[in-house]
PDB file of N, CA and C in Angstrom:
ATOM      1  N   MET A   1      10.099  -1.576 -27.583  1.00  0.00           N
ATOM      2  CA  MET A   1       9.454  -1.986 -26.349  1.00  0.00           C
ATOM      3  C   MET A   1       7.943  -1.898 -26.560  1.00  0.00           C
ATOM      4  N   THR A   2       7.254  -2.904 -26.133  1.00  0.00           N
ATOM      5  CA  THR A   2       5.804  -2.895 -26.291  1.00  0.00           C
ATOM      6  C   THR A   2       5.179  -1.980 -25.251  1.00  0.00           C
ATOM      7  N   SER A   3       3.973  -1.540 -25.512  1.00  0.00           N
ATOM      8  CA  SER A   3       3.305  -0.635 -24.567  1.00  0.00           C
ATOM      9  C   SER A   3       3.083  -1.301 -23.219  1.00  0.00           C
ATOM     10  N   SER A   4       2.882  -2.613 -23.198  1.00  0.00           N
ATOM     11  CA  SER A   4       2.664  -3.285 -21.917  1.00  0.00           C
ATOM     12  C   SER A   4       3.955  -3.447 -21.130  1.00  0.00           C
ATOM     13  N   ALA A   5       5.115  -3.326 -21.772  1.00  0.00           N
ATOM     14  CA  ALA A   5       6.392  -3.475 -21.073  1.00  0.00           C
ATOM     15  C   ALA A   5       6.907  -2.152 -20.526  1.00  0.00           C
ATOM     16  N   ARG A   6       6.434  -1.032 -21.044  1.00  0.00           N
ATOM     17  CA  ARG A   6       6.953   0.273 -20.621  1.00  0.00           C
ATOM     18  C   ARG A   6       6.882   0.520 -19.116  1.00  0.00           C
ATOM     19  N   PRO A   7       5.774   0.240 -18.446  1.00  0.00           N
ATOM     20  CA  PRO A   7       5.726   0.524 -17.013  1.00  0.00           C
ATOM     21  C   PRO A   7       6.769  -0.229 -16.206  1.00  0.00           C
ATOM     22  N   SER A   8       7.232  -1.383 -16.693  1.00  0.00           N
ATOM     23  CA  SER A   8       8.155  -2.172 -15.890  1.00  0.00           C
ATOM     24  C   SER A   8       9.564  -1.594 -15.861  1.00  0.00           C
ATOM     25  N   SER A   9       9.897  -0.652 -16.762  1.00  0.00           N
ATOM     26  CA  SER A   9      11.246  -0.087 -16.727  1.00  0.00           C
ATOM     27  C   SER A   9      11.255   1.406 -16.410  1.00  0.00           C
ATOM     28  N   ASN A  10      10.117   2.011 -16.134  1.00  0.00           N
ATOM     29  CA  ASN A  10      10.059   3.417 -15.764  1.00  0.00           C
ATOM     30  C   ASN A  10      10.488   3.546 -14.306  1.00  0.00           C
ATOM     31  N   THR A  11      11.561   4.324 -14.047  1.00  0.00           N
ATOM     32  CA  THR A  11      12.049   4.456 -12.671  1.00  0.00           C
ATOM     33  C   THR A  11      12.083   5.908 -12.224  1.00  0.00           C
ATOM     34  N   ASP A  12      11.318   6.764 -12.865  1.00  0.00           N
ATOM     35  CA  ASP A  12      11.333   8.188 -12.528  1.00  0.00           C
ATOM     36  C   ASP A  12      10.472   8.527 -11.321  1.00  0.00           C
ATOM     37  N   GLY A  13       9.891   7.582 -10.679  1.00  0.00           N
ATOM     38  CA  GLY A  13       9.039   7.841  -9.526  1.00  0.00           C
ATOM     39  C   GLY A  13       8.027   6.743  -9.377  1.00  0.00           C
ATOM     40  N   PRO A  14       7.058   6.950  -8.510  1.00  0.00           N
ATOM     41  CA  PRO A  14       6.042   5.916  -8.301  1.00  0.00           C
ATOM     42  C   PRO A  14       5.269   5.632  -9.584  1.00  0.00           C
ATOM     43  N   VAL A  15       4.898   4.402  -9.747  1.00  0.00           N
ATOM     44  CA  VAL A  15       4.108   4.008 -10.909  1.00  0.00           C
ATOM     45  C   VAL A  15       2.924   3.194 -10.413  1.00  0.00           C
ATOM     46  N   LEU A  16       1.764   3.564 -10.863  1.00  0.00           N
ATOM     47  CA  LEU A  16       0.567   2.798 -10.569  1.00  0.00           C
ATOM     48  C   LEU A  16       0.203   2.043 -11.836  1.00  0.00           C
ATOM     49  N   ILE A  17       0.163   0.746 -11.726  1.00  0.00           N
ATOM     50  CA  ILE A  17      -0.269  -0.073 -12.852  1.00  0.00           C
ATOM     51  C   ILE A  17      -1.604  -0.659 -12.447  1.00  0.00           C
ATOM     52  N   PHE A  18      -2.652  -0.163 -13.029  1.00  0.00           N
ATOM     53  CA  PHE A  18      -3.986  -0.661 -12.716  1.00  0.00           C
ATOM     54  C   PHE A  18      -4.248  -1.813 -13.661  1.00  0.00           C
ATOM     55  N   ALA A  19      -4.217  -3.008 -13.114  1.00  0.00           N
ATOM     56  CA  ALA A  19      -4.294  -4.191 -13.949  1.00  0.00           C
ATOM     57  C   ALA A  19      -5.605  -4.923 -13.726  1.00  0.00           C
ATOM     58  N   GLY A  20      -6.139  -5.436 -14.802  1.00  0.00           N
ATOM     59  CA  GLY A  20      -7.325  -6.256 -14.706  1.00  0.00           C
ATOM     60  C   GLY A  20      -6.951  -7.649 -14.237  1.00  0.00           C
ATOM     61  N   ALA A  21      -7.889  -8.542 -14.261  1.00  0.00           N
ATOM     62  CA  ALA A  21      -7.662  -9.908 -13.778  1.00  0.00           C
ATOM     63  C   ALA A  21      -7.098 -10.797 -14.884  1.00  0.00           C
ATOM     64  N   ARG A  22      -6.512 -10.199 -15.882  1.00  0.00           N
ATOM     65  CA  ARG A  22      -5.943 -10.982 -16.977  1.00  0.00           C
ATOM     66  C   ARG A  22      -4.450 -11.197 -16.742  1.00  0.00           C
ATOM     67  N   VAL A  23      -3.912 -12.240 -17.324  1.00  0.00           N
ATOM     68  CA  VAL A  23      -2.517 -12.614 -17.115  1.00  0.00           C
ATOM     69  C   VAL A  23      -1.564 -11.518 -17.579  1.00  0.00           C
ATOM     70  N   ARG A  24      -1.833 -10.886 -18.706  1.00  0.00           N
ATOM     71  CA  ARG A  24      -0.903  -9.896 -19.255  1.00  0.00           C
ATOM     72  C   ARG A  24      -0.672  -8.741 -18.288  1.00  0.00           C
ATOM     73  N   GLU A  25      -1.741  -8.230 -17.680  1.00  0.00           N
ATOM     74  CA  GLU A  25      -1.597  -7.115 -16.757  1.00  0.00           C
ATOM     75  C   GLU A  25      -0.854  -7.543 -15.493  1.00  0.00           C
ATOM     76  N   ASN A  26      -1.169  -8.724 -14.977  1.00  0.00           N
ATOM     77  CA  ASN A  26      -0.456  -9.209 -13.807  1.00  0.00           C
ATOM     78  C   ASN A  26       1.008  -9.470 -14.136  1.00  0.00           C
ATOM     79  N   ARG A  27       1.288  -9.863 -15.361  1.00  0.00           N
ATOM     80  CA  ARG A  27       2.665 -10.084 -15.793  1.00  0.00           C
ATOM     81  C   ARG A  27       3.439  -8.761 -15.771  1.00  0.00           C
ATOM     82  N   VAL A  28       2.824  -7.688 -16.248  1.00  0.00           N
ATOM     83  CA  VAL A  28       3.475  -6.377 -16.235  1.00  0.00           C
ATOM     84  C   VAL A  28       3.774  -5.955 -14.802  1.00  0.00           C
ATOM     85  N   LEU A  29       2.811  -6.125 -13.927  1.00  0.00           N
ATOM     86  CA  LEU A  29       2.993  -5.765 -12.531  1.00  0.00           C
ATOM     87  C   LEU A  29       4.114  -6.595 -11.900  1.00  0.00           C
ATOM     88  N   THR A  30       4.130  -7.887 -12.168  1.00  0.00           N
ATOM     89  CA  THR A  30       5.168  -8.762 -11.628  1.00  0.00           C
ATOM     90  C   THR A  30       6.547  -8.347 -12.129  1.00  0.00           C
ATOM     91  N   HIS A  31       6.665  -8.046 -13.421  1.00  0.00           N
ATOM     92  CA  HIS A  31       7.949  -7.618 -13.969  1.00  0.00           C
ATOM     93  C   HIS A  31       8.395  -6.280 -13.384  1.00  0.00           C
ATOM     94  N   ARG A  32       7.471  -5.392 -13.135  1.00  0.00           N
ATOM     95  CA  ARG A  32       7.807  -4.103 -12.513  1.00  0.00           C
ATOM     96  C   ARG A  32       8.398  -4.315 -11.122  1.00  0.00           C
ATOM     97  N   ILE A  33       7.755  -5.151 -10.315  1.00  0.00           N
ATOM     98  CA  ILE A  33       8.246  -5.412  -8.968  1.00  0.00           C
ATOM     99  C   ILE A  33       9.614  -6.084  -9.029  1.00  0.00           C
ATOM    100  N   ALA A  34       9.770  -7.070  -9.909  1.00  0.00           N
ATOM    101  CA  ALA A  34      11.054  -7.765 -10.042  1.00  0.00           C
ATOM    102  C   ALA A  34      12.153  -6.785 -10.458  1.00  0.00           C
ATOM    103  N   TYR A  35      11.851  -5.911 -11.404  1.00  0.00           N
ATOM    104  CA  TYR A  35      12.823  -4.921 -11.870  1.00  0.00           C
ATOM    105  C   TYR A  35      13.267  -4.028 -10.711  1.00  0.00           C
ATOM    106  N   LEU A  36      12.327  -3.563  -9.917  1.00  0.00           N
ATOM    107  CA  LEU A  36      12.661  -2.694  -8.789  1.00  0.00           C
ATOM    108  C   LEU A  36      13.457  -3.432  -7.715  1.00  0.00           C
ATOM    109  N   LEU A  37      13.154  -4.694  -7.489  1.00  0.00           N
ATOM    110  CA  LEU A  37      13.895  -5.468  -6.501  1.00  0.00           C
ATOM    111  C   LEU A  37      15.328  -5.729  -6.947  1.00  0.00           C
ATOM    112  N   GLU A  38      15.536  -5.816  -8.267  1.00  0.00           N
ATOM    113  CA  GLU A  38      16.867  -6.108  -8.792  1.00  0.00           C
ATOM    114  C   GLU A  38      17.706  -4.867  -9.072  1.00  0.00           C
ATOM    115  N   LYS A  39      17.084  -3.700  -9.092  1.00  0.00           N
ATOM    116  CA  LYS A  39      17.808  -2.469  -9.413  1.00  0.00           C
ATOM    117  C   LYS A  39      19.037  -2.314  -8.542  1.00  0.00           C
ATOM    118  N   GLU A  40      20.080  -1.760  -9.117  1.00  0.00           N
ATOM    119  CA  GLU A  40      21.337  -1.599  -8.393  1.00  0.00           C
ATOM    120  C   GLU A  40      21.164  -0.789  -7.119  1.00  0.00           C
ATOM    121  N   GLU A  41      20.462   0.355  -7.199  1.00  0.00           N
ATOM    122  CA  GLU A  41      20.284   1.167  -5.997  1.00  0.00           C
ATOM    123  C   GLU A  41      19.246   0.566  -5.060  1.00  0.00           C
ATOM    124  N   GLY A  42      18.488  -0.361  -5.557  1.00  0.00           N
ATOM    125  CA  GLY A  42      17.527  -1.089  -4.731  1.00  0.00           C
ATOM    126  C   GLY A  42      16.374  -0.236  -4.247  1.00  0.00           C
ATOM    127  N   LEU A  43      15.284  -0.853  -4.040  1.00  0.00           N
ATOM    128  CA  LEU A  43      14.087  -0.216  -3.506  1.00  0.00           C
ATOM    129  C   LEU A  43      13.815  -0.862  -2.164  1.00  0.00           C
ATOM    130  N   PRO A  44      13.555  -0.067  -1.138  1.00  0.00           N
ATOM    131  CA  PRO A  44      13.212  -0.716   0.131  1.00  0.00           C
ATOM    132  C   PRO A  44      12.080  -1.705  -0.107  1.00  0.00           C
ATOM    133  N   ARG A  45      12.282  -2.933   0.244  1.00  0.00           N
ATOM    134  CA  ARG A  45      11.347  -3.992  -0.139  1.00  0.00           C
ATOM    135  C   ARG A  45       9.916  -3.784   0.325  1.00  0.00           C
ATOM    136  N   PRO A  46       9.667  -3.199   1.491  1.00  0.00           N
ATOM    137  CA  PRO A  46       8.263  -2.985   1.832  1.00  0.00           C
ATOM    138  C   PRO A  46       7.546  -2.042   0.864  1.00  0.00           C
ATOM    139  N   HIS A  47       8.305  -1.324   0.027  1.00  0.00           N
ATOM    140  CA  HIS A  47       7.695  -0.421  -0.940  1.00  0.00           C
ATOM    141  C   HIS A  47       7.357  -1.142  -2.238  1.00  0.00           C
ATOM    142  N   SER A  48       7.688  -2.405  -2.335  1.00  0.00           N
ATOM    143  CA  SER A  48       7.340  -3.214  -3.506  1.00  0.00           C
ATOM    144  C   SER A  48       6.076  -3.979  -3.166  1.00  0.00           C
ATOM    145  N   ARG A  49       5.005  -3.603  -3.818  1.00  0.00           N
ATOM    146  CA  ARG A  49       3.715  -4.217  -3.504  1.00  0.00           C
ATOM    147  C   ARG A  49       3.003  -4.646  -4.765  1.00  0.00           C
ATOM    148  N   GLY A  50       2.318  -5.752  -4.669  1.00  0.00           N
ATOM    149  CA  GLY A  50       1.490  -6.229  -5.763  1.00  0.00           C
ATOM    150  C   GLY A  50       0.150  -6.645  -5.207  1.00  0.00           C
ATOM    151  N   HIS A  51      -0.909  -6.105  -5.765  1.00  0.00           N
ATOM    152  CA  HIS A  51      -2.249  -6.399  -5.264  1.00  0.00           C
ATOM    153  C   HIS A  51      -3.131  -6.924  -6.388  1.00  0.00           C
ATOM    154  N   PRO A  52      -2.970  -8.197  -6.751  1.00  0.00           N
ATOM    155  CA  PRO A  52      -3.895  -8.752  -7.748  1.00  0.00           C
ATOM    156  C   PRO A  52      -5.272  -8.936  -7.120  1.00  0.00           C
ATOM    157  N   PHE A  53      -6.230  -9.286  -7.941  1.00  0.00           N
ATOM    158  CA  PHE A  53      -7.618  -9.335  -7.489  1.00  0.00           C
ATOM    159  C   PHE A  53      -8.006 -10.620  -6.773  1.00  0.00           C
ATOM    160  N   THR A  54      -7.287 -11.713  -7.009  1.00  0.00           N
ATOM    161  CA  THR A  54      -7.681 -12.981  -6.401  1.00  0.00           C
ATOM    162  C   THR A  54      -6.524 -13.589  -5.620  1.00  0.00           C
ATOM    163  N   ASN A  55      -6.848 -14.466  -4.684  1.00  0.00           N
ATOM    164  CA  ASN A  55      -5.811 -15.177  -3.936  1.00  0.00           C
ATOM    165  C   ASN A  55      -4.970 -16.042  -4.869  1.00  0.00           C
ATOM    166  N   LYS A  56      -5.619 -16.641  -5.863  1.00  0.00           N
ATOM    167  CA  LYS A  56      -4.885 -17.476  -6.821  1.00  0.00           C
ATOM    168  C   LYS A  56      -3.856 -16.634  -7.568  1.00  0.00           C
ATOM    169  N   ALA A  57      -4.263 -15.468  -8.055  1.00  0.00           N
ATOM    170  CA  ALA A  57      -3.338 -14.587  -8.774  1.00  0.00           C
ATOM    171  C   ALA A  57      -2.211 -14.110  -7.863  1.00  0.00           C
ATOM    172  N   ALA A  58      -2.520 -13.865  -6.589  1.00  0.00           N
ATOM    173  CA  ALA A  58      -1.488 -13.433  -5.643  1.00  0.00           C
ATOM    174  C   ALA A  58      -0.448 -14.535  -5.447  1.00  0.00           C
ATOM    175  N   GLY A  59      -0.900 -15.764  -5.301  1.00  0.00           N
ATOM    176  CA  GLY A  59       0.022 -16.882  -5.155  1.00  0.00           C
ATOM    177  C   GLY A  59       0.895 -17.061  -6.379  1.00  0.00           C
ATOM    178  N   GLU A  60       0.291 -16.939  -7.558  1.00  0.00           N
ATOM    179  CA  GLU A  60       1.052 -17.060  -8.802  1.00  0.00           C
ATOM    180  C   GLU A  60       2.063 -15.928  -8.935  1.00  0.00           C
ATOM    181  N   MET A  61       1.665 -14.713  -8.553  1.00  0.00           N
ATOM    182  CA  MET A  61       2.564 -13.569  -8.640  1.00  0.00           C
ATOM    183  C   MET A  61       3.766 -13.763  -7.713  1.00  0.00           C
ATOM    184  N   LYS A  62       3.507 -14.193  -6.492  1.00  0.00           N
ATOM    185  CA  LYS A  62       4.581 -14.412  -5.519  1.00  0.00           C
ATOM    186  C   LYS A  62       5.534 -15.493  -6.028  1.00  0.00           C
ATOM    187  N   SER A  63       4.999 -16.585  -6.560  1.00  0.00           N
ATOM    188  CA  SER A  63       5.835 -17.662  -7.105  1.00  0.00           C
ATOM    189  C   SER A  63       6.673 -17.166  -8.274  1.00  0.00           C
ATOM    190  N   ARG A  64       6.049 -16.401  -9.161  1.00  0.00           N
ATOM    191  CA  ARG A  64       6.751 -15.861 -10.322  1.00  0.00           C
ATOM    192  C   ARG A  64       7.892 -14.943  -9.878  1.00  0.00           C
ATOM    193  N   LEU A  65       7.619 -14.092  -8.882  1.00  0.00           N
ATOM    194  CA  LEU A  65       8.661 -13.200  -8.374  1.00  0.00           C
ATOM    195  C   LEU A  65       9.825 -13.987  -7.783  1.00  0.00           C
ATOM    196  N   GLU A  66       9.523 -15.028  -7.036  1.00  0.00           N
ATOM    197  CA  GLU A  66      10.586 -15.843  -6.441  1.00  0.00           C
ATOM    198  C   GLU A  66      11.426 -16.518  -7.511  1.00  0.00           C
ATOM    199  N   ARG A  67      10.791 -16.963  -8.602  1.00  0.00           N
ATOM    200  CA  ARG A  67      11.557 -17.561  -9.706  1.00  0.00           C
ATOM    201  C   ARG A  67      12.412 -16.504 -10.403  1.00  0.00           C
ATOM    202  N   MET A  68      11.911 -15.287 -10.492  1.00  0.00           N
ATOM    203  CA  MET A  68      12.617 -14.235 -11.225  1.00  0.00           C
ATOM    204  C   MET A  68      13.782 -13.639 -10.440  1.00  0.00           C
ATOM    205  N   VAL A  69      13.593 -13.371  -9.148  1.00  0.00           N
ATOM    206  CA  VAL A  69      14.625 -12.656  -8.389  1.00  0.00           C
ATOM    207  C   VAL A  69      15.129 -13.404  -7.162  1.00  0.00           C
ATOM    208  N   GLY A  70      14.535 -14.537  -6.840  1.00  0.00           N
ATOM    209  CA  GLY A  70      15.011 -15.323  -5.711  1.00  0.00           C
ATOM    210  C   GLY A  70      14.596 -14.755  -4.362  1.00  0.00           C
ATOM    211  N   ALA A  71      15.512 -14.788  -3.417  1.00  0.00           N
ATOM    212  CA  ALA A  71      15.232 -14.431  -2.026  1.00  0.00           C
ATOM    213  C   ALA A  71      14.628 -13.042  -1.823  1.00  0.00           C
ATOM    214  N   PRO A  72      15.055 -11.995  -2.555  1.00  0.00           N
ATOM    215  CA  PRO A  72      14.453 -10.670  -2.322  1.00  0.00           C
ATOM    216  C   PRO A  72      12.935 -10.642  -2.494  1.00  0.00           C
ATOM    217  N   ALA A  73      12.391 -11.571  -3.256  1.00  0.00           N
ATOM    218  CA  ALA A  73      10.939 -11.606  -3.480  1.00  0.00           C
ATOM    219  C   ALA A  73      10.178 -11.915  -2.197  1.00  0.00           C
ATOM    220  N   ARG A  74      10.837 -12.559  -1.238  1.00  0.00           N
ATOM    221  CA  ARG A  74      10.150 -12.906   0.005  1.00  0.00           C
ATOM    222  C   ARG A  74       9.703 -11.672   0.776  1.00  0.00           C
ATOM    223  N   ASP A  75      10.403 -10.555   0.581  1.00  0.00           N
ATOM    224  CA  ASP A  75      10.071  -9.333   1.314  1.00  0.00           C
ATOM    225  C   ASP A  75       9.052  -8.453   0.601  1.00  0.00           C
ATOM    226  N   ALA A  76       8.758  -8.739  -0.663  1.00  0.00           N
ATOM    227  CA  ALA A  76       7.764  -7.945  -1.385  1.00  0.00           C
ATOM    228  C   ALA A  76       6.385  -8.265  -0.821  1.00  0.00           C
ATOM    229  N   LEU A  77       5.569  -7.265  -0.663  1.00  0.00           N
ATOM    230  CA  LEU A  77       4.219  -7.458  -0.143  1.00  0.00           C
ATOM    231  C   LEU A  77       3.290  -7.782  -1.297  1.00  0.00           C
ATOM    232  N   VAL A  78       2.862  -9.022  -1.358  1.00  0.00           N
ATOM    233  CA  VAL A  78       1.982  -9.465  -2.435  1.00  0.00           C
ATOM    234  C   VAL A  78       0.758 -10.115  -1.806  1.00  0.00           C
ATOM    235  N   GLY A  79      -0.397  -9.633  -2.189  1.00  0.00           N
ATOM    236  CA  GLY A  79      -1.648 -10.201  -1.701  1.00  0.00           C
ATOM    237  C   GLY A  79      -2.806  -9.382  -2.222  1.00  0.00           C
ATOM    238  N   THR A  80      -3.990  -9.899  -2.066  1.00  0.00           N
ATOM    239  CA  THR A  80      -5.153  -9.135  -2.500  1.00  0.00           C
ATOM    240  C   THR A  80      -5.257  -7.877  -1.643  1.00  0.00           C
ATOM    241  N   PHE A  81      -5.991  -6.902  -2.121  1.00  0.00           N
ATOM    242  CA  PHE A  81      -6.155  -5.660  -1.365  1.00  0.00           C
ATOM    243  C   PHE A  81      -6.743  -5.971   0.009  1.00  0.00           C
ATOM    244  N   HIS A  82      -7.720  -6.853   0.041  1.00  0.00           N
ATOM    245  CA  HIS A  82      -8.357  -7.240   1.302  1.00  0.00           C
ATOM    246  C   HIS A  82      -7.316  -7.844   2.256  1.00  0.00           C
ATOM    247  N   ALA A  83      -6.519  -8.787   1.758  1.00  0.00           N
ATOM    248  CA  ALA A  83      -5.518  -9.452   2.599  1.00  0.00           C
ATOM    249  C   ALA A  83      -4.480  -8.459   3.124  1.00  0.00           C
ATOM    250  N   MET A  84      -4.081  -7.512   2.291  1.00  0.00           N
ATOM    251  CA  MET A  84      -3.083  -6.527   2.724  1.00  0.00           C
ATOM    252  C   MET A  84      -3.665  -5.611   3.799  1.00  0.00           C
ATOM    253  N   CYS A  85      -4.914  -5.224   3.654  1.00  0.00           N
ATOM    254  CA  CYS A  85      -5.543  -4.376   4.673  1.00  0.00           C
ATOM    255  C   CYS A  85      -5.661  -5.117   5.994  1.00  0.00           C
ATOM    256  N   VAL A  86      -6.036  -6.383   5.948  1.00  0.00           N
ATOM    257  CA  VAL A  86      -6.130  -7.182   7.172  1.00  0.00           C
ATOM    258  C   VAL A  86      -4.749  -7.287   7.818  1.00  0.00           C
ATOM    259  N   ARG A  87      -3.711  -7.514   7.006  1.00  0.00           N
ATOM    260  CA  ARG A  87      -2.354  -7.619   7.537  1.00  0.00           C
ATOM    261  C   ARG A  87      -1.942  -6.321   8.236  1.00  0.00           C
ATOM    262  N   MET A  88      -2.235  -5.186   7.613  1.00  0.00           N
ATOM    263  CA  MET A  88      -1.870  -3.897   8.224  1.00  0.00           C
ATOM    264  C   MET A  88      -2.655  -3.643   9.506  1.00  0.00           C
ATOM    265  N   LEU A  89      -3.945  -3.994   9.512  1.00  0.00           N
ATOM    266  CA  LEU A  89      -4.740  -3.808  10.726  1.00  0.00           C
ATOM    267  C   LEU A  89      -4.250  -4.699  11.863  1.00  0.00           C
ATOM    268  N   ARG A  90      -3.867  -5.916  11.533  1.00  0.00           N
ATOM    269  CA  ARG A  90      -3.346  -6.796  12.580  1.00  0.00           C
ATOM    270  C   ARG A  90      -2.022  -6.266  13.120  1.00  0.00           C
ATOM    271  N   ARG A  91      -1.215  -5.679  12.252  1.00  0.00           N
ATOM    272  CA  ARG A  91       0.088  -5.151  12.663  1.00  0.00           C
ATOM    273  C   ARG A  91      -0.038  -3.827  13.410  1.00  0.00           C
ATOM    274  N   ASP A  92      -0.868  -2.906  12.906  1.00  0.00           N
ATOM    275  CA  ASP A  92      -0.905  -1.539  13.421  1.00  0.00           C
ATOM    276  C   ASP A  92      -2.227  -1.128  14.047  1.00  0.00           C
ATOM    277  N   GLY A  93      -3.180  -2.033  14.121  1.00  0.00           N
ATOM    278  CA  GLY A  93      -4.517  -1.687  14.580  1.00  0.00           C
ATOM    279  C   GLY A  93      -4.609  -1.170  16.003  1.00  0.00           C
ATOM    280  N   ARG A  94      -3.692  -1.567  16.863  1.00  0.00           N
ATOM    281  CA  ARG A  94      -3.765  -1.128  18.270  1.00  0.00           C
ATOM    282  C   ARG A  94      -3.725   0.384  18.399  1.00  0.00           C
ATOM    283  N   LYS A  95      -3.095   1.049  17.448  1.00  0.00           N
ATOM    284  CA  LYS A  95      -3.049   2.520  17.466  1.00  0.00           C
ATOM    285  C   LYS A  95      -4.454   3.103  17.387  1.00  0.00           C
ATOM    286  N   ASN A  96      -5.377   2.331  16.836  1.00  0.00           N
ATOM    287  CA  ASN A  96      -6.775   2.754  16.694  1.00  0.00           C
ATOM    288  C   ASN A  96      -7.721   1.858  17.481  1.00  0.00           C
ATOM    289  N   ARG A  97      -7.197   1.243  18.516  1.00  0.00           N
ATOM    290  CA  ARG A  97      -7.967   0.375  19.409  1.00  0.00           C
ATOM    291  C   ARG A  97      -8.599  -0.828  18.706  1.00  0.00           C
ATOM    292  N   ILE A  98      -7.871  -1.393  17.751  1.00  0.00           N
ATOM    293  CA  ILE A  98      -8.312  -2.614  17.074  1.00  0.00           C
ATOM    294  C   ILE A  98      -7.394  -3.741  17.542  1.00  0.00           C
ATOM    295  N   ALA A  99      -7.962  -4.749  18.169  1.00  0.00           N
ATOM    296  CA  ALA A  99      -7.161  -5.867  18.666  1.00  0.00           C
ATOM    297  C   ALA A  99      -6.570  -6.646  17.492  1.00  0.00           C
ATOM    298  N   PRO A 100      -5.324  -7.112  17.605  1.00  0.00           N
ATOM    299  CA  PRO A 100      -4.702  -7.837  16.501  1.00  0.00           C
ATOM    300  C   PRO A 100      -5.380  -9.173  16.177  1.00  0.00           C
ATOM    301  N   ASN A 101      -6.185  -9.666  17.098  1.00  0.00           N
ATOM    302  CA  ASN A 101      -6.874 -10.935  16.845  1.00  0.00           C
ATOM    303  C   ASN A 101      -8.333 -10.718  16.443  1.00  0.00           C
ATOM    304  N   PHE A 102      -8.628  -9.534  15.852  1.00  0.00           N
ATOM    305  CA  PHE A 102     -10.005  -9.258  15.446  1.00  0.00           C
ATOM    306  C   PHE A 102     -10.484 -10.300  14.463  1.00  0.00           C
ATOM    307  N   ARG A 103     -11.788 -10.455  14.386  1.00  0.00           N
ATOM    308  CA  ARG A 103     -12.365 -11.436  13.485  1.00  0.00           C
ATOM    309  C   ARG A 103     -12.646 -10.798  12.133  1.00  0.00           C
ATOM    310  N   ASP A 104     -12.119 -11.412  11.089  1.00  0.00           N
ATOM    311  CA  ASP A 104     -12.276 -10.928   9.724  1.00  0.00           C
ATOM    312  C   ASP A 104     -13.428 -11.671   9.058  1.00  0.00           C
ATOM    313  N   HIS A 105     -14.436 -10.946   8.625  1.00  0.00           N
ATOM    314  CA  HIS A 105     -15.600 -11.558   7.999  1.00  0.00           C
ATOM    315  C   HIS A 105     -15.562 -11.446   6.475  1.00  0.00           C
ATOM    316  N   GLY A 106     -14.397 -11.097   5.918  1.00  0.00           N
ATOM    317  CA  GLY A 106     -14.293 -10.901   4.477  1.00  0.00           C
ATOM    318  C   GLY A 106     -14.180 -12.153   3.742  1.00  0.00           C
TER     319      GLY A 106
END
């Protein structure tokens, strides 16, 4: 097994894969998420997250996941860190007096 493939099959607990904006690192992250989605015991899908650095990479990652595992990929949270934070604020912001229709200047 190559060193870049090791994180995708480690299931002993949470794994942080800090990936650069290169294809190889995003590929490792994508394979890790796909592996967890396909595991027999399964991972609750909201716990499968991928945060590439660009919107383009996020779209490619989501497409790749859908090709690899099919329908379960739809529930994986994939998006840039900024997009994921905006999504969480729109969903849960009222708890902190943030209107769900706030204006995002990012």
